[in-house]
């Protein structure tokens, strides 16, 4: 039995799933399963399944409930977001994980499901982990080879990707006087996927050039 109200947490998660579906225009969105499992050793992690996630809790999870919410928001976002499929896997993890880390608090905050303090705490936590990491200068090209060998390498696509997308979102808003944001590029990538295209870095670069010019590429 967790120390927090599991019913309230899963109610929050269900509300978020419905809002994700509306945001992405997904009237056909599949149900999303959440499993809570006690872990006395290293609580807080989990494992993704098909349209589902197993997350773990421990005796101190009441103090980390915001992190559990944001983990669920991150994992659920993966079921809606676009991906770069060529190259696939860890080589493009900067895109998939970076987007999910950027939006994991941004969308719940926008939907009124996180407070401003909860939102900025998540942003600062990610930024602090990156800017204090001795691996912060390891290039993305090293991530696939060393991803499972070193946790400090494994977090780079999440943290560096989030900071890249945060900077890009700011540039898009300023360049368009607030009429465009990262949301527009995300939706454009989803439209490419929906057309049956296997998305590549070149597709992302085309969008960057259209909106911000060669410098963004």
C-alpha atoms as a PDB file:
ATOM      1  CA  UNK A   1       0.000   0.000   0.000  1.00  0.00           C
ATOM      2  CA  UNK A   2       1.654   3.276  -1.067  1.00  0.00           C
ATOM      3  CA  UNK A   3       1.924   6.174   1.358  1.00  0.00           C
ATOM      4  CA  UNK A   4       0.103   8.403  -1.156  1.00  0.00           C
ATOM      5  CA  UNK A   5      -3.438   8.300  -2.533  1.00  0.00           C
ATOM      6  CA  UNK A   6      -3.046   5.975  -5.513  1.00  0.00           C
ATOM      7  CA  UNK A   7      -6.604   6.649  -6.674  1.00  0.00           C
ATOM      8  CA  UNK A   8      -5.947  10.382  -6.832  1.00  0.00           C
ATOM      9  CA  UNK A   9      -2.687   9.837  -8.722  1.00  0.00           C
ATOM     10  CA  UNK A  10      -4.326   7.590 -11.310  1.00  0.00           C
ATOM     11  CA  UNK A  11      -7.261  10.003 -11.623  1.00  0.00           C
ATOM     12  CA  UNK A  12      -4.745  12.765 -12.387  1.00  0.00           C
ATOM     13  CA  UNK A  13      -3.052  10.512 -14.938  1.00  0.00           C
ATOM     14  CA  UNK A  14      -6.365   9.660 -16.608  1.00  0.00           C
ATOM     15  CA  UNK A  15      -7.233  13.365 -16.866  1.00  0.00           C
ATOM     16  CA  UNK A  16      -3.833  14.045 -18.422  1.00  0.00           C
ATOM     17  CA  UNK A  17      -4.301  11.255 -20.965  1.00  0.00           C
ATOM     18  CA  UNK A  18      -7.622  12.742 -22.079  1.00  0.00           C
ATOM     19  CA  UNK A  19      -6.015  16.171 -22.440  1.00  0.00           C
ATOM     20  CA  UNK A  20      -3.106  14.746 -24.416  1.00  0.00           C
ATOM     21  CA  UNK A  21      -5.594  13.111 -26.774  1.00  0.00           C
ATOM     22  CA  UNK A  22      -7.406  16.420 -27.314  1.00  0.00           C
ATOM     23  CA  UNK A  23      -4.144  18.346 -27.748  1.00  0.00           C
ATOM     24  CA  UNK A  24      -2.936  15.940 -30.436  1.00  0.00           C
ATOM     25  CA  UNK A  25      -6.376  15.568 -32.025  1.00  0.00           C
ATOM     26  CA  UNK A  26      -6.339  11.847 -31.368  1.00  0.00           C
ATOM     27  CA  UNK A  27      -9.957  10.759 -31.167  1.00  0.00           C
ATOM     28  CA  UNK A  28      -8.760   7.177 -31.676  1.00  0.00           C
ATOM     29  CA  UNK A  29      -6.299   7.239 -28.745  1.00  0.00           C
ATOM     30  CA  UNK A  30      -5.908   3.829 -27.135  1.00  0.00           C
ATOM     31  CA  UNK A  31      -6.426   3.370 -23.381  1.00  0.00           C
ATOM     32  CA  UNK A  32      -3.271   3.753 -21.307  1.00  0.00           C
ATOM     33  CA  UNK A  33      -2.469   1.340 -18.496  1.00  0.00           C
ATOM     34  CA  UNK A  34      -0.585   2.318 -15.343  1.00  0.00           C
ATOM     35  CA  UNK A  35       0.779  -0.255 -12.920  1.00  0.00           C
ATOM     36  CA  UNK A  36       2.144   0.733  -9.499  1.00  0.00           C
ATOM     37  CA  UNK A  37       4.672  -1.638  -7.969  1.00  0.00           C
ATOM     38  CA  UNK A  38       6.478  -1.467  -4.642  1.00  0.00           C
ATOM     39  CA  UNK A  39      10.276  -1.450  -4.886  1.00  0.00           C
ATOM     40  CA  UNK A  40      12.235  -1.274  -1.623  1.00  0.00           C
ATOM     41  CA  UNK A  41      15.611  -0.934  -3.372  1.00  0.00           C
ATOM     42  CA  UNK A  42      15.502   1.829  -5.987  1.00  0.00           C
ATOM     43  CA  UNK A  43      12.007   3.259  -6.187  1.00  0.00           C
ATOM     44  CA  UNK A  44      11.009   5.821  -8.803  1.00  0.00           C
ATOM     45  CA  UNK A  45      12.024   4.024 -11.968  1.00  0.00           C
ATOM     46  CA  UNK A  46       9.896   1.857 -14.176  1.00  0.00           C
ATOM     47  CA  UNK A  47       9.509   0.129 -17.509  1.00  0.00           C
ATOM     48  CA  UNK A  48       7.485   0.993 -20.583  1.00  0.00           C
ATOM     49  CA  UNK A  49       5.054  -1.495 -22.104  1.00  0.00           C
ATOM     50  CA  UNK A  50       2.673  -1.202 -25.070  1.00  0.00           C
ATOM     51  CA  UNK A  51       0.477   1.823 -24.226  1.00  0.00           C
ATOM     52  CA  UNK A  52       1.286   1.227 -20.566  1.00  0.00           C
ATOM     53  CA  UNK A  53       3.897   1.920 -17.920  1.00  0.00           C
ATOM     54  CA  UNK A  54       5.004   0.224 -14.728  1.00  0.00           C
ATOM     55  CA  UNK A  55       6.249   2.736 -12.152  1.00  0.00           C
ATOM     56  CA  UNK A  56       7.660   1.909  -8.741  1.00  0.00           C
ATOM     57  CA  UNK A  57       7.186   3.473  -5.342  1.00  0.00           C
ATOM     58  CA  UNK A  58       8.893   3.125  -1.965  1.00  0.00           C
ATOM     59  CA  UNK A  59       8.522   4.278   1.614  1.00  0.00           C
ATOM     60  CA  UNK A  60       9.609   7.849   0.756  1.00  0.00           C
ATOM     61  CA  UNK A  61       7.521   8.253  -2.372  1.00  0.00           C
ATOM     62  CA  UNK A  62       5.170  10.763  -0.715  1.00  0.00           C
ATOM     63  CA  UNK A  63       8.046  13.233  -0.868  1.00  0.00           C
ATOM     64  CA  UNK A  64       8.652  12.427  -4.542  1.00  0.00           C
ATOM     65  CA  UNK A  65       5.062  12.322  -5.770  1.00  0.00           C
ATOM     66  CA  UNK A  66       5.678  15.202  -8.199  1.00  0.00           C
ATOM     67  CA  UNK A  67       8.448  13.140  -9.800  1.00  0.00           C
ATOM     68  CA  UNK A  68       6.107  10.167 -10.166  1.00  0.00           C
ATOM     69  CA  UNK A  69       3.517  12.392 -11.866  1.00  0.00           C
ATOM     70  CA  UNK A  70       6.101  13.800 -14.239  1.00  0.00           C
ATOM     71  CA  UNK A  71       7.495  10.337 -15.010  1.00  0.00           C
ATOM     72  CA  UNK A  72       3.999   9.199 -15.952  1.00  0.00           C
ATOM     73  CA  UNK A  73       3.506  12.356 -18.030  1.00  0.00           C
ATOM     74  CA  UNK A  74       6.800  11.698 -19.825  1.00  0.00           C
ATOM     75  CA  UNK A  75       6.067   8.065 -20.608  1.00  0.00           C
ATOM     76  CA  UNK A  76       2.511   8.721 -21.725  1.00  0.00           C
ATOM     77  CA  UNK A  77       3.716  11.501 -24.023  1.00  0.00           C
ATOM     78  CA  UNK A  78       5.740   8.886 -25.929  1.00  0.00           C
ATOM     79  CA  UNK A  79       2.493   7.288 -27.147  1.00  0.00           C
ATOM     80  CA  UNK A  80       1.434  10.518 -28.891  1.00  0.00           C
ATOM     81  CA  UNK A  81       4.659  12.195 -30.030  1.00  0.00           C
ATOM     82  CA  UNK A  82       6.531  12.030 -33.362  1.00  0.00           C
ATOM     83  CA  UNK A  83       9.862  10.242 -33.700  1.00  0.00           C
ATOM     84  CA  UNK A  84      12.763  10.257 -36.112  1.00  0.00           C
ATOM     85  CA  UNK A  85      12.802   6.738 -37.517  1.00  0.00           C
ATOM     86  CA  UNK A  86      15.881   6.941 -39.774  1.00  0.00           C
ATOM     87  CA  UNK A  87      18.245   6.565 -38.020  1.00  0.00           C
ATOM     88  CA  UNK A  88      16.151   4.898 -35.349  1.00  0.00           C
ATOM     89  CA  UNK A  89      16.780   3.801 -31.790  1.00  0.00           C
ATOM     90  CA  UNK A  90      19.368   5.398 -29.546  1.00  0.00           C
ATOM     91  CA  UNK A  91      20.962   7.377 -32.358  1.00  0.00           C
ATOM     92  CA  UNK A  92      17.853   9.572 -32.484  1.00  0.00           C
ATOM     93  CA  UNK A  93      17.085   9.462 -28.767  1.00  0.00           C
ATOM     94  CA  UNK A  94      17.947  13.182 -28.516  1.00  0.00           C
ATOM     95  CA  UNK A  95      14.726  13.807 -30.455  1.00  0.00           C
ATOM     96  CA  UNK A  96      12.301  11.348 -28.830  1.00  0.00           C
ATOM     97  CA  UNK A  97      13.526  11.687 -25.257  1.00  0.00           C
ATOM     98  CA  UNK A  98      14.302  15.388 -25.578  1.00  0.00           C
ATOM     99  CA  UNK A  99      10.761  16.165 -26.719  1.00  0.00           C
ATOM    100  CA  UNK A 100       9.229  14.038 -23.966  1.00  0.00           C
ATOM    101  CA  UNK A 101      11.396  15.745 -21.336  1.00  0.00           C
ATOM    102  CA  UNK A 102      10.498  19.184 -22.670  1.00  0.00           C
ATOM    103  CA  UNK A 103       6.764  18.478 -22.654  1.00  0.00           C
ATOM    104  CA  UNK A 104       6.557  16.290 -19.521  1.00  0.00           C
ATOM    105  CA  UNK A 105       5.910  19.340 -17.342  1.00  0.00           C
ATOM    106  CA  UNK A 106       5.087  21.927 -20.000  1.00  0.00           C
ATOM    107  CA  UNK A 107       1.812  20.332 -21.082  1.00  0.00           C
ATOM    108  CA  UNK A 108       0.537  19.367 -17.601  1.00  0.00           C
ATOM    109  CA  UNK A 109       1.318  22.940 -16.498  1.00  0.00           C
ATOM    110  CA  UNK A 110      -0.503  24.327 -19.543  1.00  0.00           C
ATOM    111  CA  UNK A 111      -3.475  22.080 -18.744  1.00  0.00           C
ATOM    112  CA  UNK A 112      -3.584  23.322 -15.134  1.00  0.00           C
ATOM    113  CA  UNK A 113      -2.450  19.958 -13.742  1.00  0.00           C
ATOM    114  CA  UNK A 114       0.859  21.269 -12.337  1.00  0.00           C
ATOM    115  CA  UNK A 115       1.487  24.485 -10.428  1.00  0.00           C
ATOM    116  CA  UNK A 116       4.045  27.057 -11.628  1.00  0.00           C
ATOM    117  CA  UNK A 117       6.367  25.920  -8.829  1.00  0.00           C
ATOM    118  CA  UNK A 118       6.084  22.265  -9.848  1.00  0.00           C
ATOM    119  CA  UNK A 119       6.766  23.193 -13.464  1.00  0.00           C
ATOM    120  CA  UNK A 120       9.848  25.305 -12.840  1.00  0.00           C
ATOM    121  CA  UNK A 121      11.210  22.786 -10.342  1.00  0.00           C
ATOM    122  CA  UNK A 122      11.191  20.167 -13.096  1.00  0.00           C
ATOM    123  CA  UNK A 123      12.892  22.500 -15.572  1.00  0.00           C
ATOM    124  CA  UNK A 124      15.563  23.419 -13.026  1.00  0.00           C
ATOM    125  CA  UNK A 125      16.116  19.803 -11.981  1.00  0.00           C
ATOM    126  CA  UNK A 126      16.821  18.779 -15.570  1.00  0.00           C
ATOM    127  CA  UNK A 127      19.031  21.797 -16.227  1.00  0.00           C
ATOM    128  CA  UNK A 128      20.987  21.247 -13.016  1.00  0.00           C
ATOM    129  CA  UNK A 129      21.625  17.589 -13.840  1.00  0.00           C
ATOM    130  CA  UNK A 130      23.005  18.562 -17.247  1.00  0.00           C
ATOM    131  CA  UNK A 131      25.082  21.585 -16.274  1.00  0.00           C
ATOM    132  CA  UNK A 132      26.690  19.812 -13.318  1.00  0.00           C
ATOM    133  CA  UNK A 133      27.473  16.613 -15.240  1.00  0.00           C
ATOM    134  CA  UNK A 134      31.106  15.771 -15.966  1.00  0.00           C
ATOM    135  CA  UNK A 135      29.759  14.146 -19.157  1.00  0.00           C
ATOM    136  CA  UNK A 136      28.018  17.286 -20.424  1.00  0.00           C
ATOM    137  CA  UNK A 137      30.486  17.674 -23.309  1.00  0.00           C
ATOM    138  CA  UNK A 138      30.231  14.086 -24.563  1.00  0.00           C
ATOM    139  CA  UNK A 139      28.878  14.320 -28.141  1.00  0.00           C
ATOM    140  CA  UNK A 140      25.575  12.766 -29.185  1.00  0.00           C
ATOM    141  CA  UNK A 141      27.476  10.364 -31.421  1.00  0.00           C
ATOM    142  CA  UNK A 142      28.781   8.586 -28.311  1.00  0.00           C
ATOM    143  CA  UNK A 143      25.345   8.042 -26.779  1.00  0.00           C
ATOM    144  CA  UNK A 144      24.343   4.805 -28.584  1.00  0.00           C
ATOM    145  CA  UNK A 145      27.601   3.035 -27.747  1.00  0.00           C
ATOM    146  CA  UNK A 146      27.746   4.073 -24.074  1.00  0.00           C
ATOM    147  CA  UNK A 147      24.024   4.461 -23.257  1.00  0.00           C
ATOM    148  CA  UNK A 148      23.741   1.381 -21.044  1.00  0.00           C
ATOM    149  CA  UNK A 149      27.277   1.572 -19.692  1.00  0.00           C
ATOM    150  CA  UNK A 150      27.028   4.883 -17.844  1.00  0.00           C
ATOM    151  CA  UNK A 151      23.970   6.585 -16.329  1.00  0.00           C
ATOM    152  CA  UNK A 152      25.597   9.968 -16.910  1.00  0.00           C
ATOM    153  CA  UNK A 153      25.667   9.201 -20.632  1.00  0.00           C
ATOM    154  CA  UNK A 154      22.166   7.757 -20.570  1.00  0.00           C
ATOM    155  CA  UNK A 155      20.667  11.031 -19.303  1.00  0.00           C
ATOM    156  CA  UNK A 156      22.245  13.202 -22.015  1.00  0.00           C
ATOM    157  CA  UNK A 157      19.516  12.733 -24.680  1.00  0.00           C
ATOM    158  CA  UNK A 158      16.898  13.674 -22.074  1.00  0.00           C
ATOM    159  CA  UNK A 159      18.651  16.706 -20.609  1.00  0.00           C
ATOM    160  CA  UNK A 160      20.481  18.092 -23.624  1.00  0.00           C
ATOM    161  CA  UNK A 161      17.463  17.380 -25.810  1.00  0.00           C
ATOM    162  CA  UNK A 162      15.141  19.251 -23.433  1.00  0.00           C
ATOM    163  CA  UNK A 163      17.428  22.291 -23.334  1.00  0.00           C
ATOM    164  CA  UNK A 164      17.725  22.275 -27.140  1.00  0.00           C
ATOM    165  CA  UNK A 165      13.947  22.212 -27.555  1.00  0.00           C
ATOM    166  CA  UNK A 166      13.464  24.899 -24.897  1.00  0.00           C
ATOM    167  CA  UNK A 167      15.871  27.201 -26.752  1.00  0.00           C
ATOM    168  CA  UNK A 168      14.240  26.346 -30.087  1.00  0.00           C
ATOM    169  CA  UNK A 169      10.749  27.033 -28.743  1.00  0.00           C
ATOM    170  CA  UNK A 170      11.935  30.449 -27.542  1.00  0.00           C
ATOM    171  CA  UNK A 171      13.463  31.249 -30.953  1.00  0.00           C
ATOM    172  CA  UNK A 172      10.274  30.221 -32.779  1.00  0.00           C
ATOM    173  CA  UNK A 173       8.068  32.362 -30.555  1.00  0.00           C
ATOM    174  CA  UNK A 174      10.307  35.419 -30.925  1.00  0.00           C
ATOM    175  CA  UNK A 175      10.730  35.049 -34.689  1.00  0.00           C
ATOM    176  CA  UNK A 176       6.963  34.795 -35.229  1.00  0.00           C
ATOM    177  CA  UNK A 177       5.886  37.405 -32.656  1.00  0.00           C
ATOM    178  CA  UNK A 178       4.229  34.632 -30.667  1.00  0.00           C
ATOM    179  CA  UNK A 179       2.344  33.050 -33.581  1.00  0.00           C
ATOM    180  CA  UNK A 180       4.512  29.917 -33.811  1.00  0.00           C
ATOM    181  CA  UNK A 181       6.076  27.585 -31.262  1.00  0.00           C
ATOM    182  CA  UNK A 182       7.629  24.151 -31.000  1.00  0.00           C
ATOM    183  CA  UNK A 183       4.075  22.782 -31.059  1.00  0.00           C
ATOM    184  CA  UNK A 184       3.843  23.641 -34.767  1.00  0.00           C
ATOM    185  CA  UNK A 185       6.956  21.663 -35.666  1.00  0.00           C
ATOM    186  CA  UNK A 186       5.799  18.701 -33.583  1.00  0.00           C
ATOM    187  CA  UNK A 187       2.452  18.672 -35.388  1.00  0.00           C
ATOM    188  CA  UNK A 188       4.204  18.936 -38.759  1.00  0.00           C
ATOM    189  CA  UNK A 189       6.350  15.900 -37.952  1.00  0.00           C
ATOM    190  CA  UNK A 190       3.245  13.985 -36.892  1.00  0.00           C
ATOM    191  CA  UNK A 191       1.602  14.887 -40.191  1.00  0.00           C
ATOM    192  CA  UNK A 192       4.585  13.432 -42.050  1.00  0.00           C
ATOM    193  CA  UNK A 193       4.281  10.218 -40.031  1.00  0.00           C
ATOM    194  CA  UNK A 194       0.556  10.055 -40.726  1.00  0.00           C
ATOM    195  CA  UNK A 195       1.265  10.248 -44.463  1.00  0.00           C
ATOM    196  CA  UNK A 196       3.299   7.042 -44.138  1.00  0.00           C
ATOM    197  CA  UNK A 197       6.706   8.687 -44.408  1.00  0.00           C
ATOM    198  CA  UNK A 198       9.678   7.338 -42.472  1.00  0.00           C
ATOM    199  CA  UNK A 199      10.927  10.541 -40.881  1.00  0.00           C
ATOM    200  CA  UNK A 200      14.597  11.515 -41.036  1.00  0.00           C
ATOM    201  CA  UNK A 201      16.855  14.255 -39.702  1.00  0.00           C
ATOM    202  CA  UNK A 202      16.453  15.936 -43.104  1.00  0.00           C
ATOM    203  CA  UNK A 203      12.706  16.333 -42.489  1.00  0.00           C
ATOM    204  CA  UNK A 204      13.382  18.078 -39.198  1.00  0.00           C
ATOM    205  CA  UNK A 205      16.007  20.281 -40.849  1.00  0.00           C
ATOM    206  CA  UNK A 206      13.533  21.266 -43.565  1.00  0.00           C
ATOM    207  CA  UNK A 207      11.094  22.480 -40.932  1.00  0.00           C
ATOM    208  CA  UNK A 208      13.834  24.410 -39.134  1.00  0.00           C
ATOM    209  CA  UNK A 209      14.856  26.124 -42.369  1.00  0.00           C
ATOM    210  CA  UNK A 210      11.263  27.034 -43.218  1.00  0.00           C
ATOM    211  CA  UNK A 211      10.674  28.676 -39.849  1.00  0.00           C
ATOM    212  CA  UNK A 212      14.076  30.000 -38.783  1.00  0.00           C
ATOM    213  CA  UNK A 213      16.477  29.783 -41.720  1.00  0.00           C
ATOM    214  CA  UNK A 214      19.853  28.150 -42.268  1.00  0.00           C
ATOM    215  CA  UNK A 215      21.257  29.132 -38.874  1.00  0.00           C
ATOM    216  CA  UNK A 216      18.720  26.934 -37.093  1.00  0.00           C
ATOM    217  CA  UNK A 217      19.753  23.947 -39.213  1.00  0.00           C
END
